[in-house]
Amino acid sequence: MSEIEWKDGASGFLETDRGRIEFACHGPAPDNAPTVVMLHEGLGSVSAWKDFPQVLAEQTGLGVFVYSRFGYGRSSTVTLPRPIDYQSQEAKEILPLVLDRIGFRSGILLGHSDGATMAAIYAGSFQDHRVRGLILLAPHFFCEDISVEGIAAAKEAYEDGDLKSGLARHHDDPDTAFYGWNDTWLDPEFRNWNVSEVIDYLRIPVLAIQGRDDQYGTLAQIDEIEQRIYSPVDTVILDKCGHWPHREKREETLSAITEFSERLLRIEREQVAVA
């Protein structure tokens, strides 16, 4: 049972014993249609998605739930530094709480960058039959040189450029949002971070989308999925696209997500009919 009053376009906060979690929902409630739960990137938030969740709900007919993790957006802050395994902790401790609190019944986890990694960690760590598929935008499973270089460049842009003022539009505490991500990725210990093993345990269909010109990761991340996964996987590599497929190649990304979602739900309906 949902603890929020789900209405199309509604927003608010989930109150937890760890603090409040900012959220917004679009489309039908979980008891009326499958739900897409969206997990944002390392500098993302509810507002940073802009209108993408709303358009996704309209185009697919599915419910869409988006939230800001602790330390991001209008959610409660966190104490820094974040641990090296913060993505695993988020996936295993906070995401299950969110799914239960919103009355999640069935649907898809859609993550971008850090959020994609968290979605994969969750699905590879728990046998949750409510989760029917994964959509991973620019996922990370291990640290690459290009990741460190891109994140070091982001630090310069934050401290000497306009990135801080841009992030301040989306976060109550932009310093916590930025350094919680940036300092952890630039920690020398993070060079050994690798969660590729979770791919071995995925047993649901996966759609992986990445820009060929991604500033934070190479196609080796996608190759890792294709080489290790046992379940069906579709990959979409977008030319002239960097780390944000849903912004830089919006229509192509929406089309791929819609087609994947429709096919996934059609297969499920046919299986139910046969049964």
C-alpha atoms as a PDB file:
ATOM      1  CA  MET A   1       0.000   0.000   0.000  1.00  0.00           C
ATOM      2  CA  SER A   2       1.324   3.418  -0.976  1.00  0.00           C
ATOM      3  CA  GLU A   3       2.128   5.941   1.730  1.00  0.00           C
ATOM      4  CA  ILE A   4       1.851   8.835  -0.699  1.00  0.00           C
ATOM      5  CA  GLU A   5      -1.219  10.347  -2.305  1.00  0.00           C
ATOM      6  CA  TRP A   6      -0.351   9.540  -5.900  1.00  0.00           C
ATOM      7  CA  LYS A   7      -1.747  12.031  -8.375  1.00  0.00           C
ATOM      8  CA  ASP A   8      -0.431  12.823 -11.833  1.00  0.00           C
ATOM      9  CA  GLY A   9       2.082  15.641 -11.371  1.00  0.00           C
ATOM     10  CA  ALA A  10       2.064  15.466  -7.569  1.00  0.00           C
ATOM     11  CA  SER A  11       5.215  16.155  -5.565  1.00  0.00           C
ATOM     12  CA  GLY A  12       6.194  16.118  -1.929  1.00  0.00           C
ATOM     13  CA  PHE A  13       8.345  14.306   0.612  1.00  0.00           C
ATOM     14  CA  LEU A  14       8.590  10.797   1.997  1.00  0.00           C
ATOM     15  CA  GLU A  15       9.313  11.062   5.709  1.00  0.00           C
ATOM     16  CA  THR A  16      11.721   8.380   6.960  1.00  0.00           C
ATOM     17  CA  ASP A  17      13.753   7.799  10.106  1.00  0.00           C
ATOM     18  CA  ARG A  18      16.795   8.946   8.098  1.00  0.00           C
ATOM     19  CA  GLY A  19      15.206  12.167   6.918  1.00  0.00           C
ATOM     20  CA  ARG A  20      12.934  13.308   4.135  1.00  0.00           C
ATOM     21  CA  ILE A  21      13.075  12.219   0.513  1.00  0.00           C
ATOM     22  CA  GLU A  22      11.856  14.603  -2.183  1.00  0.00           C
ATOM     23  CA  PHE A  23       9.683  12.976  -4.864  1.00  0.00           C
ATOM     24  CA  ALA A  24       7.421  13.599  -7.827  1.00  0.00           C
ATOM     25  CA  CYS A  25       5.059  11.218  -9.604  1.00  0.00           C
ATOM     26  CA  HIS A  26       3.442  11.207 -13.029  1.00  0.00           C
ATOM     27  CA  GLY A  27       0.846   9.094 -14.755  1.00  0.00           C
ATOM     28  CA  PRO A  28      -1.189   6.303 -13.139  1.00  0.00           C
ATOM     29  CA  ALA A  29      -0.620   5.044  -9.580  1.00  0.00           C
ATOM     30  CA  PRO A  30       1.076   1.676  -8.917  1.00  0.00           C
ATOM     31  CA  ASP A  31      -2.264  -0.082  -8.373  1.00  0.00           C
ATOM     32  CA  ASN A  32      -3.455   0.998 -11.823  1.00  0.00           C
ATOM     33  CA  ALA A  33      -0.394   0.413 -14.035  1.00  0.00           C
ATOM     34  CA  PRO A  34       3.242  -0.693 -13.879  1.00  0.00           C
ATOM     35  CA  THR A  35       5.628   1.934 -12.528  1.00  0.00           C
ATOM     36  CA  VAL A  36       8.947   3.246 -13.803  1.00  0.00           C
ATOM     37  CA  VAL A  37      11.142   4.247 -10.855  1.00  0.00           C
ATOM     38  CA  MET A  38      13.853   6.686 -11.943  1.00  0.00           C
ATOM     39  CA  LEU A  39      17.245   6.962 -10.227  1.00  0.00           C
ATOM     40  CA  HIS A  40      19.251  10.074 -10.982  1.00  0.00           C
ATOM     41  CA  GLU A  41      22.924  10.609 -11.750  1.00  0.00           C
ATOM     42  CA  GLY A  42      25.688  11.691  -9.356  1.00  0.00           C
ATOM     43  CA  LEU A  43      24.684  15.357  -9.586  1.00  0.00           C
ATOM     44  CA  GLY A  44      20.993  14.834 -10.303  1.00  0.00           C
ATOM     45  CA  SER A  45      17.709  15.429  -8.500  1.00  0.00           C
ATOM     46  CA  VAL A  46      13.983  15.496  -9.147  1.00  0.00           C
ATOM     47  CA  SER A  47      14.158  18.878 -10.868  1.00  0.00           C
ATOM     48  CA  ALA A  48      17.311  18.034 -12.824  1.00  0.00           C
ATOM     49  CA  TRP A  49      15.305  15.494 -14.863  1.00  0.00           C
ATOM     50  CA  LYS A  50      13.241  18.499 -16.041  1.00  0.00           C
ATOM     51  CA  ASP A  51      10.158  17.289 -17.961  1.00  0.00           C
ATOM     52  CA  PHE A  52      11.585  13.934 -19.004  1.00  0.00           C
ATOM     53  CA  PRO A  53       9.601  11.909 -16.381  1.00  0.00           C
ATOM     54  CA  GLN A  54       6.344  13.583 -17.373  1.00  0.00           C
ATOM     55  CA  VAL A  55       6.923  12.985 -21.079  1.00  0.00           C
ATOM     56  CA  LEU A  56       7.934   9.383 -20.374  1.00  0.00           C
ATOM     57  CA  ALA A  57       4.659   8.796 -18.515  1.00  0.00           C
ATOM     58  CA  GLU A  58       2.651  10.333 -21.337  1.00  0.00           C
ATOM     59  CA  GLN A  59       4.451   8.363 -24.027  1.00  0.00           C
ATOM     60  CA  THR A  60       4.372   4.960 -22.308  1.00  0.00           C
ATOM     61  CA  GLY A  61       1.145   5.172 -20.309  1.00  0.00           C
ATOM     62  CA  LEU A  62       3.075   3.942 -17.273  1.00  0.00           C
ATOM     63  CA  GLY A  63       3.369   5.539 -13.880  1.00  0.00           C
ATOM     64  CA  VAL A  64       6.686   7.296 -13.300  1.00  0.00           C
ATOM     65  CA  PHE A  65       8.182   7.964  -9.879  1.00  0.00           C
ATOM     66  CA  VAL A  66      11.304  10.075  -9.432  1.00  0.00           C
ATOM     67  CA  TYR A  67      13.063  11.020  -6.217  1.00  0.00           C
ATOM     68  CA  SER A  68      16.131  12.855  -4.946  1.00  0.00           C
ATOM     69  CA  ARG A  69      18.528  10.761  -2.903  1.00  0.00           C
ATOM     70  CA  PHE A  70      19.710  11.999   0.476  1.00  0.00           C
ATOM     71  CA  GLY A  71      22.129  14.880  -0.068  1.00  0.00           C
ATOM     72  CA  TYR A  72      20.474  15.931  -3.312  1.00  0.00           C
ATOM     73  CA  GLY A  73      17.692  18.230  -4.413  1.00  0.00           C
ATOM     74  CA  ARG A  74      15.378  19.149  -1.525  1.00  0.00           C
ATOM     75  CA  SER A  75      15.969  15.883   0.339  1.00  0.00           C
ATOM     76  CA  SER A  76      17.676  15.787   3.728  1.00  0.00           C
ATOM     77  CA  THR A  77      21.413  16.294   3.679  1.00  0.00           C
ATOM     78  CA  VAL A  78      24.153  13.774   4.522  1.00  0.00           C
ATOM     79  CA  THR A  79      27.479  13.888   6.312  1.00  0.00           C
ATOM     80  CA  LEU A  80      30.495  13.761   4.026  1.00  0.00           C
ATOM     81  CA  PRO A  81      32.603  12.060   2.903  1.00  0.00           C
ATOM     82  CA  ARG A  82      30.503   9.404   1.261  1.00  0.00           C
ATOM     83  CA  PRO A  83      31.934   5.872   1.532  1.00  0.00           C
ATOM     84  CA  ILE A  84      33.588   4.254  -1.476  1.00  0.00           C
ATOM     85  CA  ASP A  85      30.682   1.804  -1.694  1.00  0.00           C
ATOM     86  CA  TYR A  86      27.991   4.486  -1.464  1.00  0.00           C
ATOM     87  CA  GLN A  87      26.273   3.195  -4.607  1.00  0.00           C
ATOM     88  CA  SER A  88      25.875  -0.284  -3.138  1.00  0.00           C
ATOM     89  CA  GLN A  89      24.641   1.131   0.168  1.00  0.00           C
ATOM     90  CA  GLU A  90      22.072   3.286  -1.596  1.00  0.00           C
ATOM     91  CA  ALA A  91      20.859   0.362  -3.715  1.00  0.00           C
ATOM     92  CA  LYS A  92      20.600  -2.094  -0.836  1.00  0.00           C
ATOM     93  CA  GLU A  93      19.377   0.154   1.985  1.00  0.00           C
ATOM     94  CA  ILE A  94      17.446   3.130   0.603  1.00  0.00           C
ATOM     95  CA  LEU A  95      15.967   1.941  -2.687  1.00  0.00           C
ATOM     96  CA  PRO A  96      14.092  -0.999  -1.047  1.00  0.00           C
ATOM     97  CA  LEU A  97      12.579   1.452   1.433  1.00  0.00           C
ATOM     98  CA  VAL A  98      11.441   3.764  -1.381  1.00  0.00           C
ATOM     99  CA  LEU A  99       9.871   0.926  -3.387  1.00  0.00           C
ATOM    100  CA  ASP A 100       7.915  -0.301  -0.386  1.00  0.00           C
ATOM    101  CA  ARG A 101       6.795   3.150   0.711  1.00  0.00           C
ATOM    102  CA  ILE A 102       5.320   4.041  -2.693  1.00  0.00           C
ATOM    103  CA  GLY A 103       3.442   0.755  -2.969  1.00  0.00           C
ATOM    104  CA  PHE A 104       5.508  -0.463  -5.913  1.00  0.00           C
ATOM    105  CA  ARG A 105       3.809  -3.530  -7.402  1.00  0.00           C
ATOM    106  CA  SER A 106       5.550  -4.137 -10.705  1.00  0.00           C
ATOM    107  CA  GLY A 107       7.559  -2.183 -13.199  1.00  0.00           C
ATOM    108  CA  ILE A 108      10.970  -1.033 -14.325  1.00  0.00           C
ATOM    109  CA  LEU A 109      13.995   0.558 -12.675  1.00  0.00           C
ATOM    110  CA  LEU A 110      15.427   3.296 -14.897  1.00  0.00           C
ATOM    111  CA  GLY A 111      18.729   4.800 -13.834  1.00  0.00           C
ATOM    112  CA  HIS A 112      21.219   7.259 -15.266  1.00  0.00           C
ATOM    113  CA  SER A 113      24.963   7.036 -14.498  1.00  0.00           C
ATOM    114  CA  ASP A 114      25.241   6.449 -10.721  1.00  0.00           C
ATOM    115  CA  GLY A 115      21.513   5.751 -10.722  1.00  0.00           C
ATOM    116  CA  ALA A 116      21.933   3.110 -13.429  1.00  0.00           C
ATOM    117  CA  THR A 117      24.617   1.421 -11.363  1.00  0.00           C
ATOM    118  CA  MET A 118      22.337   1.435  -8.314  1.00  0.00           C
ATOM    119  CA  ALA A 119      19.461  -0.050 -10.316  1.00  0.00           C
ATOM    120  CA  ALA A 120      21.712  -2.880 -11.508  1.00  0.00           C
ATOM    121  CA  ILE A 121      23.081  -3.487  -8.011  1.00  0.00           C
ATOM    122  CA  TYR A 122      19.559  -3.740  -6.614  1.00  0.00           C
ATOM    123  CA  ALA A 123      18.371  -6.172  -9.306  1.00  0.00           C
ATOM    124  CA  GLY A 124      21.544  -8.238  -8.975  1.00  0.00           C
ATOM    125  CA  SER A 125      21.360  -8.366  -5.181  1.00  0.00           C
ATOM    126  CA  PHE A 126      17.669  -9.065  -4.499  1.00  0.00           C
ATOM    127  CA  GLN A 127      15.208 -11.467  -6.047  1.00  0.00           C
ATOM    128  CA  ASP A 128      12.448  -8.900  -6.328  1.00  0.00           C
ATOM    129  CA  HIS A 129       9.803 -10.231  -8.713  1.00  0.00           C
ATOM    130  CA  ARG A 130       8.186  -6.805  -8.839  1.00  0.00           C
ATOM    131  CA  VAL A 131      11.081  -5.535 -10.949  1.00  0.00           C
ATOM    132  CA  ARG A 132      10.399  -6.742 -14.503  1.00  0.00           C
ATOM    133  CA  GLY A 133      13.200  -4.951 -16.331  1.00  0.00           C
ATOM    134  CA  LEU A 134      16.098  -2.497 -16.155  1.00  0.00           C
ATOM    135  CA  ILE A 135      16.827   0.563 -18.271  1.00  0.00           C
ATOM    136  CA  LEU A 136      20.413   1.725 -17.801  1.00  0.00           C
ATOM    137  CA  LEU A 137      21.548   5.073 -19.214  1.00  0.00           C
ATOM    138  CA  ALA A 138      25.348   5.460 -19.199  1.00  0.00           C
ATOM    139  CA  PRO A 139      25.938   2.922 -16.398  1.00  0.00           C
ATOM    140  CA  HIS A 140      29.230   2.474 -14.507  1.00  0.00           C
ATOM    141  CA  PHE A 141      30.426  -0.895 -13.256  1.00  0.00           C
ATOM    142  CA  PHE A 142      34.105  -0.086 -12.761  1.00  0.00           C
ATOM    143  CA  CYS A 143      36.305   2.981 -12.666  1.00  0.00           C
ATOM    144  CA  GLU A 144      38.071   4.027 -15.882  1.00  0.00           C
ATOM    145  CA  ASP A 145      40.747   6.628 -16.589  1.00  0.00           C
ATOM    146  CA  ILE A 146      38.229   8.654 -18.583  1.00  0.00           C
ATOM    147  CA  SER A 147      35.937   8.688 -15.536  1.00  0.00           C
ATOM    148  CA  VAL A 148      38.621  10.209 -13.314  1.00  0.00           C
ATOM    149  CA  GLU A 149      39.628  12.707 -15.979  1.00  0.00           C
ATOM    150  CA  GLY A 150      36.048  13.826 -16.560  1.00  0.00           C
ATOM    151  CA  ILE A 151      35.319  14.137 -12.854  1.00  0.00           C
ATOM    152  CA  ALA A 152      38.538  16.105 -12.262  1.00  0.00           C
ATOM    153  CA  ALA A 153      37.442  18.479 -15.029  1.00  0.00           C
ATOM    154  CA  ALA A 154      34.055  18.819 -13.333  1.00  0.00           C
ATOM    155  CA  LYS A 155      35.803  19.919 -10.129  1.00  0.00           C
ATOM    156  CA  GLU A 156      37.510  22.743 -12.013  1.00  0.00           C
ATOM    157  CA  ALA A 157      34.186  23.745 -13.551  1.00  0.00           C
ATOM    158  CA  TYR A 158      32.544  23.772 -10.122  1.00  0.00           C
ATOM    159  CA  GLU A 159      35.229  25.764  -8.338  1.00  0.00           C
ATOM    160  CA  ASP A 160      36.220  28.112 -11.142  1.00  0.00           C
ATOM    161  CA  GLY A 161      33.278  28.096 -13.561  1.00  0.00           C
ATOM    162  CA  ASP A 162      29.488  28.216 -13.662  1.00  0.00           C
ATOM    163  CA  LEU A 163      28.727  24.675 -12.547  1.00  0.00           C
ATOM    164  CA  LYS A 164      28.074  25.658  -8.914  1.00  0.00           C
ATOM    165  CA  SER A 165      25.475  28.265  -9.811  1.00  0.00           C
ATOM    166  CA  GLY A 166      23.840  25.773 -12.162  1.00  0.00           C
ATOM    167  CA  LEU A 167      23.633  23.108  -9.465  1.00  0.00           C
ATOM    168  CA  ALA A 168      22.254  25.606  -6.959  1.00  0.00           C
ATOM    169  CA  ARG A 169      19.041  25.689  -9.001  1.00  0.00           C
ATOM    170  CA  HIS A 170      18.466  21.996  -8.266  1.00  0.00           C
ATOM    171  CA  HIS A 171      19.953  21.434  -4.790  1.00  0.00           C
ATOM    172  CA  ASP A 172      19.403  23.048  -1.406  1.00  0.00           C
ATOM    173  CA  ASP A 173      23.044  22.259  -0.602  1.00  0.00           C
ATOM    174  CA  PRO A 174      25.022  22.153  -3.862  1.00  0.00           C
ATOM    175  CA  ASP A 175      28.358  21.689  -2.063  1.00  0.00           C
ATOM    176  CA  THR A 176      27.186  18.457  -0.431  1.00  0.00           C
ATOM    177  CA  ALA A 177      25.685  17.228  -3.698  1.00  0.00           C
ATOM    178  CA  PHE A 178      28.857  17.979  -5.634  1.00  0.00           C
ATOM    179  CA  TYR A 179      31.618  16.985  -3.241  1.00  0.00           C
ATOM    180  CA  GLY A 180      29.778  13.902  -2.057  1.00  0.00           C
ATOM    181  CA  TRP A 181      30.090  12.638  -5.623  1.00  0.00           C
ATOM    182  CA  ASN A 182      33.303  14.291  -6.771  1.00  0.00           C
ATOM    183  CA  ASP A 183      35.545  13.618  -3.780  1.00  0.00           C
ATOM    184  CA  THR A 184      34.568   9.955  -3.662  1.00  0.00           C
ATOM    185  CA  TRP A 185      35.269   9.326  -7.341  1.00  0.00           C
ATOM    186  CA  LEU A 186      38.610  11.153  -7.071  1.00  0.00           C
ATOM    187  CA  ASP A 187      39.672   9.201  -3.980  1.00  0.00           C
ATOM    188  CA  PRO A 188      42.654   6.995  -5.014  1.00  0.00           C
ATOM    189  CA  GLU A 189      40.901   4.018  -3.403  1.00  0.00           C
ATOM    190  CA  PHE A 190      38.039   4.399  -5.843  1.00  0.00           C
ATOM    191  CA  ARG A 191      40.293   3.337  -8.715  1.00  0.00           C
ATOM    192  CA  ASN A 192      39.773  -0.257  -7.525  1.00  0.00           C
ATOM    193  CA  TRP A 193      35.978   0.054  -7.308  1.00  0.00           C
ATOM    194  CA  ASN A 194      34.257  -2.638  -9.373  1.00  0.00           C
ATOM    195  CA  VAL A 195      30.700  -3.971  -9.071  1.00  0.00           C
ATOM    196  CA  SER A 196      30.591  -5.864 -12.369  1.00  0.00           C
ATOM    197  CA  GLU A 197      29.742  -9.063 -10.521  1.00  0.00           C
ATOM    198  CA  VAL A 198      26.150  -7.905 -10.058  1.00  0.00           C
ATOM    199  CA  ILE A 199      25.597  -8.362 -13.799  1.00  0.00           C
ATOM    200  CA  ASP A 200      26.089 -12.122 -13.350  1.00  0.00           C
ATOM    201  CA  TYR A 201      22.966 -12.266 -11.174  1.00  0.00           C
ATOM    202  CA  LEU A 202      20.583 -10.311 -13.390  1.00  0.00           C
ATOM    203  CA  ARG A 203      17.658 -12.443 -14.576  1.00  0.00           C
ATOM    204  CA  ILE A 204      15.445  -9.786 -16.159  1.00  0.00           C
ATOM    205  CA  PRO A 205      15.552  -8.010 -19.530  1.00  0.00           C
ATOM    206  CA  VAL A 206      17.894  -5.036 -19.752  1.00  0.00           C
ATOM    207  CA  LEU A 207      18.062  -2.022 -22.054  1.00  0.00           C
ATOM    208  CA  ALA A 208      21.466  -0.265 -21.964  1.00  0.00           C
ATOM    209  CA  ILE A 209      21.895   3.110 -23.668  1.00  0.00           C
ATOM    210  CA  GLN A 210      25.151   5.036 -23.960  1.00  0.00           C
ATOM    211  CA  GLY A 211      26.519   7.900 -25.996  1.00  0.00           C
ATOM    212  CA  ARG A 212      29.559   7.109 -28.091  1.00  0.00           C
ATOM    213  CA  ASP A 213      31.183  10.326 -26.867  1.00  0.00           C
ATOM    214  CA  ASP A 214      30.435   9.835 -23.153  1.00  0.00           C
ATOM    215  CA  GLN A 215      32.817  12.010 -21.106  1.00  0.00           C
ATOM    216  CA  TYR A 216      32.702   9.710 -18.085  1.00  0.00           C
ATOM    217  CA  GLY A 217      32.882   6.198 -19.475  1.00  0.00           C
ATOM    218  CA  THR A 218      33.741   4.159 -22.541  1.00  0.00           C
ATOM    219  CA  LEU A 219      31.776   1.461 -24.321  1.00  0.00           C
ATOM    220  CA  ALA A 220      33.700  -1.025 -22.192  1.00  0.00           C
ATOM    221  CA  GLN A 221      30.898  -0.546 -19.664  1.00  0.00           C
ATOM    222  CA  ILE A 222      28.351  -1.783 -22.203  1.00  0.00           C
ATOM    223  CA  ASP A 223      30.671  -4.578 -23.306  1.00  0.00           C
ATOM    224  CA  GLU A 224      30.837  -5.735 -19.685  1.00  0.00           C
ATOM    225  CA  ILE A 225      27.061  -6.136 -19.633  1.00  0.00           C
ATOM    226  CA  GLU A 226      26.960  -8.022 -22.934  1.00  0.00           C
ATOM    227  CA  GLN A 227      29.765 -10.386 -21.938  1.00  0.00           C
ATOM    228  CA  ARG A 228      28.469 -11.248 -18.468  1.00  0.00           C
ATOM    229  CA  ILE A 229      24.687 -11.134 -18.595  1.00  0.00           C
ATOM    230  CA  TYR A 230      22.531 -14.268 -18.780  1.00  0.00           C
ATOM    231  CA  SER A 231      19.224 -12.506 -19.468  1.00  0.00           C
ATOM    232  CA  PRO A 232      18.118 -10.687 -22.655  1.00  0.00           C
ATOM    233  CA  VAL A 233      19.865  -7.374 -23.270  1.00  0.00           C
ATOM    234  CA  ASP A 234      19.285  -4.655 -25.855  1.00  0.00           C
ATOM    235  CA  THR A 235      22.000  -2.066 -26.390  1.00  0.00           C
ATOM    236  CA  VAL A 236      21.652   1.324 -28.037  1.00  0.00           C
ATOM    237  CA  ILE A 237      24.815   3.286 -28.851  1.00  0.00           C
ATOM    238  CA  LEU A 238      24.083   6.868 -29.823  1.00  0.00           C
ATOM    239  CA  ASP A 239      26.450   8.740 -32.132  1.00  0.00           C
ATOM    240  CA  LYS A 240      27.347  12.350 -31.360  1.00  0.00           C
ATOM    241  CA  CYS A 241      26.083  11.901 -27.818  1.00  0.00           C
ATOM    242  CA  GLY A 242      27.838  12.333 -24.491  1.00  0.00           C
ATOM    243  CA  HIS A 243      26.862  11.336 -20.949  1.00  0.00           C
ATOM    244  CA  TRP A 244      23.225  12.487 -21.060  1.00  0.00           C
ATOM    245  CA  PRO A 245      21.292  10.510 -23.711  1.00  0.00           C
ATOM    246  CA  HIS A 246      17.932  11.695 -22.367  1.00  0.00           C
ATOM    247  CA  ARG A 247      18.991  15.293 -23.018  1.00  0.00           C
ATOM    248  CA  GLU A 248      21.342  15.086 -25.971  1.00  0.00           C
ATOM    249  CA  LYS A 249      19.421  12.465 -27.951  1.00  0.00           C
ATOM    250  CA  ARG A 250      16.033  12.849 -26.320  1.00  0.00           C
ATOM    251  CA  GLU A 251      13.782  11.468 -29.055  1.00  0.00           C
ATOM    252  CA  GLU A 252      15.996   8.475 -29.800  1.00  0.00           C
ATOM    253  CA  THR A 253      16.231   7.707 -26.095  1.00  0.00           C
ATOM    254  CA  LEU A 254      12.486   8.049 -25.532  1.00  0.00           C
ATOM    255  CA  SER A 255      11.801   5.848 -28.537  1.00  0.00           C
ATOM    256  CA  ALA A 256      14.144   3.108 -27.311  1.00  0.00           C
ATOM    257  CA  ILE A 257      12.677   3.202 -23.798  1.00  0.00           C
ATOM    258  CA  THR A 258       9.099   3.150 -25.073  1.00  0.00           C
ATOM    259  CA  GLU A 259       9.724   0.240 -27.437  1.00  0.00           C
ATOM    260  CA  PHE A 260      11.510  -1.754 -24.728  1.00  0.00           C
ATOM    261  CA  SER A 261       8.753  -1.097 -22.181  1.00  0.00           C
ATOM    262  CA  GLU A 262       5.951  -1.986 -24.584  1.00  0.00           C
ATOM    263  CA  ARG A 263       7.663  -5.200 -25.650  1.00  0.00           C
ATOM    264  CA  LEU A 264       8.381  -6.178 -22.057  1.00  0.00           C
ATOM    265  CA  LEU A 265       4.778  -5.657 -20.970  1.00  0.00           C
ATOM    266  CA  ARG A 266       3.408  -7.371 -24.076  1.00  0.00           C
ATOM    267  CA  ILE A 267       5.494 -10.469 -23.338  1.00  0.00           C
ATOM    268  CA  GLU A 268       4.226 -10.461 -19.762  1.00  0.00           C
ATOM    269  CA  ARG A 269       0.597 -10.221 -20.890  1.00  0.00           C
ATOM    270  CA  GLU A 270       1.084 -13.105 -23.309  1.00  0.00           C
ATOM    271  CA  GLN A 271       2.673 -15.243 -20.609  1.00  0.00           C
ATOM    272  CA  VAL A 272      -0.208 -14.557 -18.254  1.00  0.00           C
ATOM    273  CA  ALA A 273      -2.694 -15.431 -20.999  1.00  0.00           C
ATOM    274  CA  VAL A 274      -0.917 -18.727 -21.682  1.00  0.00           C
ATOM    275  CA  ALA A 275      -0.805 -19.554 -17.993  1.00  0.00           C
END
